[in-house]
PDB file of N, CA and C in Angstrom:
ATOM      1  N   MET A   1     184.115  97.067  50.449  1.00  0.00           N
ATOM      2  CA  MET A   1     185.238  96.206  50.173  1.00  0.00           C
ATOM      3  C   MET A   1     185.491  95.303  51.364  1.00  0.00           C
ATOM      4  N   THR A   2     185.752  94.080  51.101  1.00  0.00           N
ATOM      5  CA  THR A   2     186.038  93.138  52.169  1.00  0.00           C
ATOM      6  C   THR A   2     187.523  92.890  52.246  1.00  0.00           C
ATOM      7  N   THR A   3     187.954  92.492  53.414  1.00  0.00           N
ATOM      8  CA  THR A   3     189.376  92.235  53.612  1.00  0.00           C
ATOM      9  C   THR A   3     189.586  90.743  53.714  1.00  0.00           C
ATOM     10  N   PRO A   4     190.754  90.288  53.387  1.00  0.00           N
ATOM     11  CA  PRO A   4     191.023  88.852  53.526  1.00  0.00           C
ATOM     12  C   PRO A   4     191.015  88.463  55.000  1.00  0.00           C
ATOM     13  N   ALA A   5     190.658  87.228  55.251  1.00  0.00           N
ATOM     14  CA  ALA A   5     190.594  86.733  56.622  1.00  0.00           C
ATOM     15  C   ALA A   5     191.986  86.617  57.191  1.00  0.00           C
ATOM     16  N   SER A   6     192.138  87.092  58.405  1.00  0.00           N
ATOM     17  CA  SER A   6     193.405  86.949  59.114  1.00  0.00           C
ATOM     18  C   SER A   6     193.125  86.215  60.417  1.00  0.00           C
ATOM     19  N   PRO A   7     194.144  85.657  61.029  1.00  0.00           N
ATOM     20  CA  PRO A   7     193.917  84.907  62.271  1.00  0.00           C
ATOM     21  C   PRO A   7     193.290  85.765  63.376  1.00  0.00           C
ATOM     22  N   ALA A   8     193.524  87.083  63.371  1.00  0.00           N
ATOM     23  CA  ALA A   8     192.990  87.945  64.420  1.00  0.00           C
ATOM     24  C   ALA A   8     191.598  88.468  64.084  1.00  0.00           C
ATOM     25  N   ASP A   9     191.094  88.237  62.864  1.00  0.00           N
ATOM     26  CA  ASP A   9     189.795  88.771  62.450  1.00  0.00           C
ATOM     27  C   ASP A   9     188.691  87.805  62.870  1.00  0.00           C
ATOM     28  N   PRO A  10     187.840  88.203  63.823  1.00  0.00           N
ATOM     29  CA  PRO A  10     186.787  87.302  64.266  1.00  0.00           C
ATOM     30  C   PRO A  10     185.642  87.204  63.262  1.00  0.00           C
ATOM     31  N   TYR A  11     185.544  88.138  62.328  1.00  0.00           N
ATOM     32  CA  TYR A  11     184.462  88.147  61.337  1.00  0.00           C
ATOM     33  C   TYR A  11     185.051  88.184  59.926  1.00  0.00           C
ATOM     34  N   PRO A  12     185.550  87.066  59.410  1.00  0.00           N
ATOM     35  CA  PRO A  12     186.176  87.076  58.087  1.00  0.00           C
ATOM     36  C   PRO A  12     185.139  87.402  57.012  1.00  0.00           C
ATOM     37  N   GLY A  13     185.586  88.123  56.029  1.00  0.00           N
ATOM     38  CA  GLY A  13     184.717  88.464  54.904  1.00  0.00           C
ATOM     39  C   GLY A  13     183.879  89.709  55.132  1.00  0.00           C
ATOM     40  N   THR A  14     184.166  90.487  56.186  1.00  0.00           N
ATOM     41  CA  THR A  14     183.427  91.721  56.435  1.00  0.00           C
ATOM     42  C   THR A  14     184.386  92.882  56.484  1.00  0.00           C
ATOM     43  N   THR A  15     183.843  94.085  56.357  1.00  0.00           N
ATOM     44  CA  THR A  15     184.660  95.281  56.428  1.00  0.00           C
ATOM     45  C   THR A  15     184.949  95.601  57.889  1.00  0.00           C
ATOM     46  N   PRO A  16     186.197  95.837  58.256  1.00  0.00           N
ATOM     47  CA  PRO A  16     186.509  96.128  59.661  1.00  0.00           C
ATOM     48  C   PRO A  16     185.773  97.380  60.127  1.00  0.00           C
ATOM     49  N   GLY A  17     185.183  97.321  61.314  1.00  0.00           N
ATOM     50  CA  GLY A  17     184.506  98.471  61.892  1.00  0.00           C
ATOM     51  C   GLY A  17     183.089  98.663  61.400  1.00  0.00           C
ATOM     52  N   ALA A  18     182.645  97.873  60.414  1.00  0.00           N
ATOM     53  CA  ALA A  18     181.286  98.034  59.900  1.00  0.00           C
ATOM     54  C   ALA A  18     180.291  97.410  60.874  1.00  0.00           C
ATOM     55  N   PRO A  19     179.088  97.994  60.976  1.00  0.00           N
ATOM     56  CA  PRO A  19     178.075  97.407  61.854  1.00  0.00           C
ATOM     57  C   PRO A  19     177.699  96.012  61.374  1.00  0.00           C
ATOM     58  N   ARG A  20     177.463  95.120  62.310  1.00  0.00           N
ATOM     59  CA  ARG A  20     177.080  93.752  61.982  1.00  0.00           C
ATOM     60  C   ARG A  20     175.682  93.492  62.507  1.00  0.00           C
ATOM     61  N   ALA A  21     174.836  92.973  61.657  1.00  0.00           N
ATOM     62  CA  ALA A  21     173.472  92.652  62.076  1.00  0.00           C
ATOM     63  C   ALA A  21     173.479  91.331  62.823  1.00  0.00           C
ATOM     64  N   PRO A  22     172.555  91.160  63.784  1.00  0.00           N
ATOM     65  CA  PRO A  22     172.465  89.862  64.461  1.00  0.00           C
ATOM     66  C   PRO A  22     172.225  88.764  63.435  1.00  0.00           C
ATOM     67  N   GLY A  23     172.937  87.687  63.593  1.00  0.00           N
ATOM     68  CA  GLY A  23     172.810  86.581  62.657  1.00  0.00           C
ATOM     69  C   GLY A  23     173.664  86.748  61.423  1.00  0.00           C
ATOM     70  N   GLY A  24     174.501  87.803  61.400  1.00  0.00           N
ATOM     71  CA  GLY A  24     175.360  88.054  60.255  1.00  0.00           C
ATOM     72  C   GLY A  24     176.531  87.088  60.236  1.00  0.00           C
ATOM     73  N   PRO A  25     177.517  87.318  59.357  1.00  0.00           N
ATOM     74  CA  PRO A  25     178.650  86.412  59.242  1.00  0.00           C
ATOM     75  C   PRO A  25     179.381  86.274  60.568  1.00  0.00           C
ATOM     76  N   GLY A  26     179.615  85.032  60.955  1.00  0.00           N
ATOM     77  CA  GLY A  26     180.374  84.780  62.164  1.00  0.00           C
ATOM     78  C   GLY A  26     179.535  84.785  63.420  1.00  0.00           C
ATOM     79  N   LEU A  27     178.254  85.105  63.311  1.00  0.00           N
ATOM     80  CA  LEU A  27     177.398  85.163  64.485  1.00  0.00           C
ATOM     81  C   LEU A  27     176.271  84.164  64.343  1.00  0.00           C
ATOM     82  N   GLY A  28     175.822  83.632  65.456  1.00  0.00           N
ATOM     83  CA  GLY A  28     174.669  82.738  65.455  1.00  0.00           C
ATOM     84  C   GLY A  28     173.380  83.538  65.354  1.00  0.00           C
ATOM     85  N   THR A  29     172.254  82.863  65.295  1.00  0.00           N
ATOM     86  CA  THR A  29     170.975  83.551  65.195  1.00  0.00           C
ATOM     87  C   THR A  29     170.541  84.168  66.502  1.00  0.00           C
ATOM     88  N   SER A  30     171.265  83.884  67.596  1.00  0.00           N
ATOM     89  CA  SER A  30     170.888  84.451  68.880  1.00  0.00           C
ATOM     90  C   SER A  30     171.318  85.903  68.992  1.00  0.00           C
ATOM     91  N   GLY A  31     172.022  86.425  68.037  1.00  0.00           N
ATOM     92  CA  GLY A  31     172.386  87.838  68.057  1.00  0.00           C
ATOM     93  C   GLY A  31     173.864  88.021  68.268  1.00  0.00           C
ATOM     94  N   GLY A  32     174.208  89.216  68.626  1.00  0.00           N
ATOM     95  CA  GLY A  32     175.597  89.555  68.848  1.00  0.00           C
ATOM     96  C   GLY A  32     175.652  91.006  69.222  1.00  0.00           C
ATOM     97  N   THR A  33     176.756  91.640  68.886  1.00  0.00           N
ATOM     98  CA  THR A  33     176.864  93.049  69.197  1.00  0.00           C
ATOM     99  C   THR A  33     176.760  93.836  67.913  1.00  0.00           C
ATOM    100  N   THR A  34     176.213  95.010  68.024  1.00  0.00           N
ATOM    101  CA  THR A  34     176.156  95.918  66.882  1.00  0.00           C
ATOM    102  C   THR A  34     177.083  97.075  67.170  1.00  0.00           C
ATOM    103  N   ALA A  35     177.261  97.944  66.199  1.00  0.00           N
ATOM    104  CA  ALA A  35     178.182  99.058  66.362  1.00  0.00           C
ATOM    105  C   ALA A  35     177.707 100.014  67.431  1.00  0.00           C
ATOM    106  N   GLY A  36     176.420 100.079  67.703  1.00  0.00           N
ATOM    107  CA  GLY A  36     175.892 100.977  68.723  1.00  0.00           C
ATOM    108  C   GLY A  36     174.433 100.669  68.955  1.00  0.00           C
ATOM    109  N   PRO A  37     173.846 101.256  69.992  1.00  0.00           N
ATOM    110  CA  PRO A  37     172.434 101.022  70.248  1.00  0.00           C
ATOM    111  C   PRO A  37     171.573 101.626  69.160  1.00  0.00           C
ATOM    112  N   SER A  38     170.381 101.072  68.981  1.00  0.00           N
ATOM    113  CA  SER A  38     169.524 101.522  67.899  1.00  0.00           C
ATOM    114  C   SER A  38     169.004 102.930  68.114  1.00  0.00           C
ATOM    115  N   THR A  39     168.927 103.399  69.363  1.00  0.00           N
ATOM    116  CA  THR A  39     168.412 104.746  69.619  1.00  0.00           C
ATOM    117  C   THR A  39     169.474 105.804  69.478  1.00  0.00           C
ATOM    118  N   GLY A  40     170.734 105.417  69.493  1.00  0.00           N
ATOM    119  CA  GLY A  40     171.803 106.388  69.386  1.00  0.00           C
ATOM    120  C   GLY A  40     172.185 106.970  70.738  1.00  0.00           C
ATOM    121  N   GLN A  41     171.407 106.701  71.789  1.00  0.00           N
ATOM    122  CA  GLN A  41     171.726 107.212  73.109  1.00  0.00           C
ATOM    123  C   GLN A  41     172.577 106.197  73.842  1.00  0.00           C
ATOM    124  N   THR A  42     173.529 106.705  74.612  1.00  0.00           N
ATOM    125  CA  THR A  42     174.332 105.815  75.424  1.00  0.00           C
ATOM    126  C   THR A  42     174.349 106.333  76.840  1.00  0.00           C
ATOM    127  N   ALA A  43     174.465 105.427  77.765  1.00  0.00           N
ATOM    128  CA  ALA A  43     174.573 105.788  79.170  1.00  0.00           C
ATOM    129  C   ALA A  43     176.006 106.228  79.431  1.00  0.00           C
ATOM    130  N   PRO A  44     176.265 106.912  80.562  1.00  0.00           N
ATOM    131  CA  PRO A  44     177.636 107.335  80.861  1.00  0.00           C
ATOM    132  C   PRO A  44     178.621 106.170  80.900  1.00  0.00           C
ATOM    133  N   SER A  45     178.159 104.961  81.215  1.00  0.00           N
ATOM    134  CA  SER A  45     179.071 103.829  81.269  1.00  0.00           C
ATOM    135  C   SER A  45     179.361 103.262  79.892  1.00  0.00           C
ATOM    136  N   GLY A  46     178.688 103.769  78.855  1.00  0.00           N
ATOM    137  CA  GLY A  46     178.943 103.302  77.506  1.00  0.00           C
ATOM    138  C   GLY A  46     177.892 102.339  77.009  1.00  0.00           C
ATOM    139  N   GLY A  47     177.029 101.837  77.880  1.00  0.00           N
ATOM    140  CA  GLY A  47     175.979 100.910  77.489  1.00  0.00           C
ATOM    141  C   GLY A  47     174.748 101.668  77.016  1.00  0.00           C
ATOM    142  N   PRO A  48     173.723 100.955  76.585  1.00  0.00           N
ATOM    143  CA  PRO A  48     172.510 101.623  76.137  1.00  0.00           C
ATOM    144  C   PRO A  48     171.818 102.326  77.295  1.00  0.00           C
ATOM    145  N   ALA A  49     171.185 103.449  77.004  1.00  0.00           N
ATOM    146  CA  ALA A  49     170.479 104.226  78.019  1.00  0.00           C
ATOM    147  C   ALA A  49     169.142 103.576  78.312  1.00  0.00           C
ATOM    148  N   HIS A  50     168.821 103.419  79.581  1.00  0.00           N
ATOM    149  CA  HIS A  50     167.537 102.848  79.993  1.00  0.00           C
ATOM    150  C   HIS A  50     166.685 103.994  80.534  1.00  0.00           C
ATOM    151  N   THR A  51     165.765 104.482  79.734  1.00  0.00           N
ATOM    152  CA  THR A  51     164.935 105.596  80.163  1.00  0.00           C
ATOM    153  C   THR A  51     163.685 105.129  80.870  1.00  0.00           C
ATOM    154  N   GLU A  52     163.245 103.869  80.657  1.00  0.00           N
ATOM    155  CA  GLU A  52     162.043 103.402  81.335  1.00  0.00           C
ATOM    156  C   GLU A  52     162.363 103.044  82.772  1.00  0.00           C
ATOM    157  N   ARG A  53     161.366 103.247  83.657  1.00  0.00           N
ATOM    158  CA  ARG A  53     161.540 102.908  85.066  1.00  0.00           C
ATOM    159  C   ARG A  53     161.259 101.435  85.270  1.00  0.00           C
ATOM    160  N   HIS A  54     161.779 100.903  86.311  1.00  0.00           N
ATOM    161  CA  HIS A  54     161.516  99.510  86.664  1.00  0.00           C
ATOM    162  C   HIS A  54     160.197  99.475  87.411  1.00  0.00           C
ATOM    163  N   THR A  55     159.097  99.420  86.676  1.00  0.00           N
ATOM    164  CA  THR A  55     157.785  99.503  87.291  1.00  0.00           C
ATOM    165  C   THR A  55     157.475  98.298  88.146  1.00  0.00           C
ATOM    166  N   GLY A  56     158.075  97.155  87.899  1.00  0.00           N
ATOM    167  CA  GLY A  56     157.840  95.974  88.717  1.00  0.00           C
ATOM    168  C   GLY A  56     158.282  96.190  90.152  1.00  0.00           C
ATOM    169  N   LYS A  57     159.462  96.785  90.349  1.00  0.00           N
ATOM    170  CA  LYS A  57     159.956  97.071  91.696  1.00  0.00           C
ATOM    171  C   LYS A  57     159.081  98.113  92.376  1.00  0.00           C
ATOM    172  N   THR A  58     158.695  99.141  91.638  1.00  0.00           N
ATOM    173  CA  THR A  58     157.890 100.208  92.212  1.00  0.00           C
ATOM    174  C   THR A  58     156.529  99.686  92.634  1.00  0.00           C
ATOM    175  N   ILE A  59     155.912  98.875  91.803  1.00  0.00           N
ATOM    176  CA  ILE A  59     154.609  98.315  92.136  1.00  0.00           C
ATOM    177  C   ILE A  59     154.738  97.376  93.324  1.00  0.00           C
ATOM    178  N   GLY A  60     155.778  96.567  93.362  1.00  0.00           N
ATOM    179  CA  GLY A  60     155.986  95.648  94.480  1.00  0.00           C
ATOM    180  C   GLY A  60     156.178  96.378  95.797  1.00  0.00           C
ATOM    181  N   ARG A  61     156.965  97.440  95.782  1.00  0.00           N
ATOM    182  CA  ARG A  61     157.189  98.211  97.003  1.00  0.00           C
ATOM    183  C   ARG A  61     155.917  98.907  97.447  1.00  0.00           C
ATOM    184  N   THR A  62     155.167  99.452  96.508  1.00  0.00           N
ATOM    185  CA  THR A  62     153.915 100.125  96.844  1.00  0.00           C
ATOM    186  C   THR A  62     152.918  99.129  97.417  1.00  0.00           C
ATOM    187  N   LEU A  63     152.830  97.957  96.819  1.00  0.00           N
ATOM    188  CA  LEU A  63     151.922  96.927  97.311  1.00  0.00           C
ATOM    189  C   LEU A  63     152.334  96.471  98.709  1.00  0.00           C
ATOM    190  N   ALA A  64     153.630  96.289  98.948  1.00  0.00           N
ATOM    191  CA  ALA A  64     154.110  95.884 100.272  1.00  0.00           C
ATOM    192  C   ALA A  64     153.809  96.952 101.309  1.00  0.00           C
ATOM    193  N   LEU A  65     153.987  98.220 100.950  1.00  0.00           N
ATOM    194  CA  LEU A  65     153.696  99.317 101.874  1.00  0.00           C
ATOM    195  C   LEU A  65     152.206  99.385 102.186  1.00  0.00           C
ATOM    196  N   ALA A  66     151.364  99.215 101.177  1.00  0.00           N
ATOM    197  CA  ALA A  66     149.914  99.233 101.390  1.00  0.00           C
ATOM    198  C   ALA A  66     149.484  98.065 102.267  1.00  0.00           C
ATOM    199  N   LEU A  67     150.060  96.891 102.061  1.00  0.00           N
ATOM    200  CA  LEU A  67     149.738  95.722 102.875  1.00  0.00           C
ATOM    201  C   LEU A  67     150.188  95.927 104.316  1.00  0.00           C
ATOM    202  N   LEU A  68     151.369  96.489 104.515  1.00  0.00           N
ATOM    203  CA  LEU A  68     151.863  96.776 105.853  1.00  0.00           C
ATOM    204  C   LEU A  68     150.952  97.770 106.568  1.00  0.00           C
ATOM    205  N   LEU A  69     150.529  98.798 105.869  1.00  0.00           N
ATOM    206  CA  LEU A  69     149.624  99.794 106.449  1.00  0.00           C
ATOM    207  C   LEU A  69     148.294  99.156 106.817  1.00  0.00           C
ATOM    208  N   PHE A  70     147.748  98.310 105.959  1.00  0.00           N
ATOM    209  CA  PHE A  70     146.480  97.630 106.225  1.00  0.00           C
ATOM    210  C   PHE A  70     146.581  96.733 107.449  1.00  0.00           C
ATOM    211  N   VAL A  71     147.647  95.933 107.532  1.00  0.00           N
ATOM    212  CA  VAL A  71     147.820  95.029 108.672  1.00  0.00           C
ATOM    213  C   VAL A  71     147.989  95.827 109.962  1.00  0.00           C
ATOM    214  N   THR A  72     148.707  96.933 109.908  1.00  0.00           N
ATOM    215  CA  THR A  72     148.889  97.772 111.091  1.00  0.00           C
ATOM    216  C   THR A  72     147.555  98.324 111.578  1.00  0.00           C
ATOM    217  N   VAL A  73     146.730  98.829 110.664  1.00  0.00           N
ATOM    218  CA  VAL A  73     145.417  99.366 111.037  1.00  0.00           C
ATOM    219  C   VAL A  73     144.543  98.271 111.635  1.00  0.00           C
ATOM    220  N   VAL A  74     144.544  97.083 111.029  1.00  0.00           N
ATOM    221  CA  VAL A  74     143.742  95.962 111.546  1.00  0.00           C
ATOM    222  C   VAL A  74     144.209  95.578 112.950  1.00  0.00           C
ATOM    223  N   LEU A  75     145.516  95.524 113.178  1.00  0.00           N
ATOM    224  CA  LEU A  75     146.020  95.180 114.506  1.00  0.00           C
ATOM    225  C   LEU A  75     145.659  96.231 115.549  1.00  0.00           C
ATOM    226  N   VAL A  76     145.750  97.492 115.195  1.00  0.00           N
ATOM    227  CA  VAL A  76     145.374  98.557 116.131  1.00  0.00           C
ATOM    228  C   VAL A  76     143.890  98.451 116.469  1.00  0.00           C
ATOM    229  N   LEU A  77     143.045  98.236 115.472  1.00  0.00           N
ATOM    230  CA  LEU A  77     141.607  98.070 115.730  1.00  0.00           C
ATOM    231  C   LEU A  77     141.353  96.828 116.588  1.00  0.00           C
ATOM    232  N   PHE A  78     142.088  95.754 116.350  1.00  0.00           N
ATOM    233  CA  PHE A  78     141.956  94.529 117.135  1.00  0.00           C
ATOM    234  C   PHE A  78     142.258  94.797 118.611  1.00  0.00           C
ATOM    235  N   VAL A  79     143.323  95.538 118.873  1.00  0.00           N
ATOM    236  CA  VAL A  79     143.700  95.853 120.252  1.00  0.00           C
ATOM    237  C   VAL A  79     142.657  96.760 120.898  1.00  0.00           C
ATOM    238  N   VAL A  80     142.166  97.752 120.158  1.00  0.00           N
ATOM    239  CA  VAL A  80     141.207  98.708 120.713  1.00  0.00           C
ATOM    240  C   VAL A  80     139.887  98.030 121.069  1.00  0.00           C
ATOM    241  N   TYR A  81     139.431  97.116 120.229  1.00  0.00           N
ATOM    242  CA  TYR A  81     138.125  96.495 120.460  1.00  0.00           C
ATOM    243  C   TYR A  81     138.181  95.267 121.380  1.00  0.00           C
ATOM    244  N   ASN A  82     139.334  94.815 121.789  1.00  0.00           N
ATOM    245  CA  ASN A  82     139.439  93.632 122.643  1.00  0.00           C
ATOM    246  C   ASN A  82     140.150  93.952 123.949  1.00  0.00           C
ATOM    247  N   THR A  83     139.672  94.959 124.658  1.00  0.00           N
ATOM    248  CA  THR A  83     140.314  95.373 125.906  1.00  0.00           C
ATOM    249  C   THR A  83     139.679  94.755 127.136  1.00  0.00           C
ATOM    250  N   GLN A  84     138.520  94.124 127.019  1.00  0.00           N
ATOM    251  CA  GLN A  84     137.856  93.580 128.213  1.00  0.00           C
ATOM    252  C   GLN A  84     138.688  92.443 128.816  1.00  0.00           C
ATOM    253  N   SER A  85     138.537  92.235 130.110  1.00  0.00           N
ATOM    254  CA  SER A  85     139.266  91.177 130.809  1.00  0.00           C
ATOM    255  C   SER A  85     138.482  89.874 130.760  1.00  0.00           C
ATOM    256  N   VAL A  86     139.220  88.792 130.665  1.00  0.00           N
ATOM    257  CA  VAL A  86     138.609  87.463 130.624  1.00  0.00           C
ATOM    258  C   VAL A  86     139.335  86.556 131.613  1.00  0.00           C
ATOM    259  N   ASP A  87     138.628  85.534 132.089  1.00  0.00           N
ATOM    260  CA  ASP A  87     139.242  84.531 132.956  1.00  0.00           C
ATOM    261  C   ASP A  87     139.813  83.423 132.089  1.00  0.00           C
ATOM    262  N   ILE A  88     141.081  83.112 132.305  1.00  0.00           N
ATOM    263  CA  ILE A  88     141.741  82.045 131.571  1.00  0.00           C
ATOM    264  C   ILE A  88     142.046  80.933 132.565  1.00  0.00           C
ATOM    265  N   SER A  89     141.542  79.743 132.266  1.00  0.00           N
ATOM    266  CA  SER A  89     141.754  78.603 133.154  1.00  0.00           C
ATOM    267  C   SER A  89     142.926  77.777 132.631  1.00  0.00           C
ATOM    268  N   LEU A  90     144.048  77.849 133.348  1.00  0.00           N
ATOM    269  CA  LEU A  90     145.220  77.062 133.008  1.00  0.00           C
ATOM    270  C   LEU A  90     145.170  75.751 133.778  1.00  0.00           C
ATOM    271  N   VAL A  91     146.114  74.893 133.589  1.00  0.00           N
ATOM    272  CA  VAL A  91     146.109  73.580 134.225  1.00  0.00           C
ATOM    273  C   VAL A  91     146.159  73.720 135.754  1.00  0.00           C
ATOM    274  N   PHE A  92     147.033  74.599 136.264  1.00  0.00           N
ATOM    275  CA  PHE A  92     147.207  74.704 137.707  1.00  0.00           C
ATOM    276  C   PHE A  92     146.699  76.022 138.292  1.00  0.00           C
ATOM    277  N   ALA A  93     146.215  76.947 137.465  1.00  0.00           N
ATOM    278  CA  ALA A  93     145.796  78.238 138.012  1.00  0.00           C
ATOM    279  C   ALA A  93     144.757  78.886 137.106  1.00  0.00           C
ATOM    280  N   ASP A  94     144.048  79.856 137.667  1.00  0.00           N
ATOM    281  CA  ASP A  94     143.125  80.678 136.901  1.00  0.00           C
ATOM    282  C   ASP A  94     143.714  82.089 136.833  1.00  0.00           C
ATOM    283  N   VAL A  95     143.717  82.668 135.627  1.00  0.00           N
ATOM    284  CA  VAL A  95     144.323  83.980 135.414  1.00  0.00           C
ATOM    285  C   VAL A  95     143.283  84.912 134.821  1.00  0.00           C
ATOM    286  N   ASN A  96     143.274  86.153 135.274  1.00  0.00           N
ATOM    287  CA  ASN A  96     142.408  87.174 134.707  1.00  0.00           C
ATOM    288  C   ASN A  96     143.298  88.094 133.864  1.00  0.00           C
ATOM    289  N   ALA A  97     143.093  88.126 132.523  1.00  0.00           N
ATOM    290  CA  ALA A  97     143.953  88.893 131.619  1.00  0.00           C
ATOM    291  C   ALA A  97     143.104  89.549 130.541  1.00  0.00           C
ATOM    292  N   PRO A  98     143.621  90.609 129.907  1.00  0.00           N
ATOM    293  CA  PRO A  98     142.893  91.225 128.781  1.00  0.00           C
ATOM    294  C   PRO A  98     142.725  90.221 127.636  1.00  0.00           C
ATOM    295  N   LEU A  99     141.607  90.314 126.946  1.00  0.00           N
ATOM    296  CA  LEU A  99     141.315  89.385 125.853  1.00  0.00           C
ATOM    297  C   LEU A  99     142.372  89.461 124.757  1.00  0.00           C
ATOM    298  N   VAL A 100     142.848  90.646 124.435  1.00  0.00           N
ATOM    299  CA  VAL A 100     143.839  90.793 123.376  1.00  0.00           C
ATOM    300  C   VAL A 100     145.119  90.040 123.728  1.00  0.00           C
ATOM    301  N   LEU A 101     145.501  90.042 125.001  1.00  0.00           N
ATOM    302  CA  LEU A 101     146.696  89.320 125.416  1.00  0.00           C
ATOM    303  C   LEU A 101     146.489  87.814 125.296  1.00  0.00           C
ATOM    304  N   ALA A 102     145.323  87.350 125.680  1.00  0.00           N
ATOM    305  CA  ALA A 102     145.028  85.913 125.574  1.00  0.00           C
ATOM    306  C   ALA A 102     145.031  85.470 124.109  1.00  0.00           C
ATOM    307  N   LEU A 103     144.430  86.260 123.238  1.00  0.00           N
ATOM    308  CA  LEU A 103     144.401  85.911 121.818  1.00  0.00           C
ATOM    309  C   LEU A 103     145.794  85.970 121.196  1.00  0.00           C
ATOM    310  N   LEU A 104     146.575  86.945 121.603  1.00  0.00           N
ATOM    311  CA  LEU A 104     147.943  87.071 121.074  1.00  0.00           C
ATOM    312  C   LEU A 104     148.800  85.884 121.503  1.00  0.00           C
ATOM    313  N   ILE A 105     148.690  85.485 122.771  1.00  0.00           N
ATOM    314  CA  ILE A 105     149.455  84.331 123.249  1.00  0.00           C
ATOM    315  C   ILE A 105     149.019  83.065 122.512  1.00  0.00           C
ATOM    316  N   ALA A 106     147.707  82.907 122.308  1.00  0.00           N
ATOM    317  CA  ALA A 106     147.211  81.731 121.587  1.00  0.00           C
ATOM    318  C   ALA A 106     147.722  81.717 120.145  1.00  0.00           C
ATOM    319  N   ALA A 107     147.756  82.872 119.488  1.00  0.00           N
ATOM    320  CA  ALA A 107     148.233  82.943 118.102  1.00  0.00           C
ATOM    321  C   ALA A 107     149.720  82.612 118.018  1.00  0.00           C
ATOM    322  N   VAL A 108     150.509  83.128 118.951  1.00  0.00           N
ATOM    323  CA  VAL A 108     151.954  82.860 118.947  1.00  0.00           C
ATOM    324  C   VAL A 108     152.218  81.381 119.204  1.00  0.00           C
ATOM    325  N   LEU A 109     151.500  80.796 120.179  1.00  0.00           N
ATOM    326  CA  LEU A 109     151.688  79.372 120.447  1.00  0.00           C
ATOM    327  C   LEU A 109     151.267  78.520 119.250  1.00  0.00           C
ATOM    328  N   GLY A 110     150.191  78.897 118.587  1.00  0.00           N
ATOM    329  CA  GLY A 110     149.769  78.165 117.386  1.00  0.00           C
ATOM    330  C   GLY A 110     150.798  78.245 116.273  1.00  0.00           C
ATOM    331  N   ALA A 111     151.393  79.431 116.078  1.00  0.00           N
ATOM    332  CA  ALA A 111     152.426  79.590 115.049  1.00  0.00           C
ATOM    333  C   ALA A 111     153.668  78.772 115.381  1.00  0.00           C
ATOM    334  N   LEU A 112     154.048  78.740 116.666  1.00  0.00           N
ATOM    335  CA  LEU A 112     155.214  77.946 117.065  1.00  0.00           C
ATOM    336  C   LEU A 112     154.976  76.455 116.854  1.00  0.00           C
ATOM    337  N   ILE A 113     153.792  75.979 117.215  1.00  0.00           N
ATOM    338  CA  ILE A 113     153.483  74.559 117.017  1.00  0.00           C
ATOM    339  C   ILE A 113     153.467  74.216 115.530  1.00  0.00           C
ATOM    340  N   SER A 114     152.897  75.105 114.719  1.00  0.00           N
ATOM    341  CA  SER A 114     152.854  74.878 113.274  1.00  0.00           C
ATOM    342  C   SER A 114     154.263  74.854 112.676  1.00  0.00           C
ATOM    343  N   ALA A 115     155.114  75.780 113.097  1.00  0.00           N
ATOM    344  CA  ALA A 115     156.491  75.822 112.591  1.00  0.00           C
ATOM    345  C   ALA A 115     157.270  74.583 113.020  1.00  0.00           C
ATOM    346  N   LEU A 116     157.061  74.146 114.251  1.00  0.00           N
ATOM    347  CA  LEU A 116     157.747  72.950 114.733  1.00  0.00           C
ATOM    348  C   LEU A 116     157.300  71.713 113.960  1.00  0.00           C
ATOM    349  N   ALA A 117     155.988  71.596 113.707  1.00  0.00           N
ATOM    350  CA  ALA A 117     155.482  70.453 112.932  1.00  0.00           C
ATOM    351  C   ALA A 117     156.047  70.478 111.509  1.00  0.00           C
ATOM    352  N   GLY A 118     156.129  71.652 110.894  1.00  0.00           N
ATOM    353  CA  GLY A 118     156.705  71.770 109.555  1.00  0.00           C
ATOM    354  C   GLY A 118     158.171  71.377 109.532  1.00  0.00           C
ATOM    355  N   ALA A 119     158.924  71.782 110.553  1.00  0.00           N
ATOM    356  CA  ALA A 119     160.342  71.424 110.618  1.00  0.00           C
ATOM    357  C   ALA A 119     160.517  69.920 110.780  1.00  0.00           C
ATOM    358  N   VAL A 120     159.669  69.289 111.594  1.00  0.00           N
ATOM    359  CA  VAL A 120     159.749  67.842 111.785  1.00  0.00           C
ATOM    360  C   VAL A 120     159.449  67.118 110.477  1.00  0.00           C
ATOM    361  N   LEU A 121     158.413  67.555 109.760  1.00  0.00           N
ATOM    362  CA  LEU A 121     158.066  66.921 108.487  1.00  0.00           C
ATOM    363  C   LEU A 121     159.181  67.080 107.455  1.00  0.00           C
ATOM    364  N   ARG A 122     159.793  68.274 107.388  1.00  0.00           N
ATOM    365  CA  ARG A 122     160.909  68.479 106.452  1.00  0.00           C
ATOM    366  C   ARG A 122     162.087  67.589 106.801  1.00  0.00           C
ATOM    367  N   ALA A 123     162.377  67.442 108.084  1.00  0.00           N
ATOM    368  CA  ALA A 123     163.494  66.597 108.504  1.00  0.00           C
ATOM    369  C   ALA A 123     163.226  65.137 108.171  1.00  0.00           C
ATOM    370  N   ARG A 124     161.982  64.691 108.328  1.00  0.00           N
ATOM    371  CA  ARG A 124     161.651  63.310 108.008  1.00  0.00           C
ATOM    372  C   ARG A 124     161.760  63.055 106.510  1.00  0.00           C
ATOM    373  N   ARG A 125     161.333  64.029 105.679  1.00  0.00           N
ATOM    374  CA  ARG A 125     161.444  63.868 104.219  1.00  0.00           C
ATOM    375  C   ARG A 125     162.896  63.856 103.777  1.00  0.00           C
ATOM    376  N   ARG A 126     163.721  64.661 104.424  1.00  0.00           N
ATOM    377  CA  ARG A 126     165.130  64.751 104.063  1.00  0.00           C
ATOM    378  C   ARG A 126     165.870  63.468 104.399  1.00  0.00           C
ATOM    379  N   ASN A 127     165.463  62.765 105.432  1.00  0.00           N
ATOM    380  CA  ASN A 127     166.170  61.561 105.869  1.00  0.00           C
ATOM    381  C   ASN A 127     165.690  60.306 105.159  1.00  0.00           C
ATOM    382  N   ARG A 128     164.759  60.401 104.245  1.00  0.00           N
ATOM    383  CA  ARG A 128     164.278  59.208 103.539  1.00  0.00           C
ATOM    384  C   ARG A 128     165.266  58.745 102.520  1.00  0.00           C
TER     385      ARG A 128
END
């Protein structure tokens, strides 16, 4: 039995409290709310229960941990195999330092120059 439409009834022509299918009277085709979840299970907060795990987060964290472990092992091997001393000729002096230190300083300086060049290019594009 249907009830007459009243100003407070958001779904005229339906039985009060009856489940409404998505796209039913008063609703668009994008869906709406139903009387309850299709599985019948509810979470303590009243919403539908989510029993599946968020595998995307788990895979991402595992991949990040594996990558961190790999980079750490590579860096340790890099330090172990590059312990010999080398002569570094600077503009005003000659320095004798471990090869790993020379390579590390060169890598840091290269990264700083690259970051500075990127910042300059971004600033120039922004001011156009």
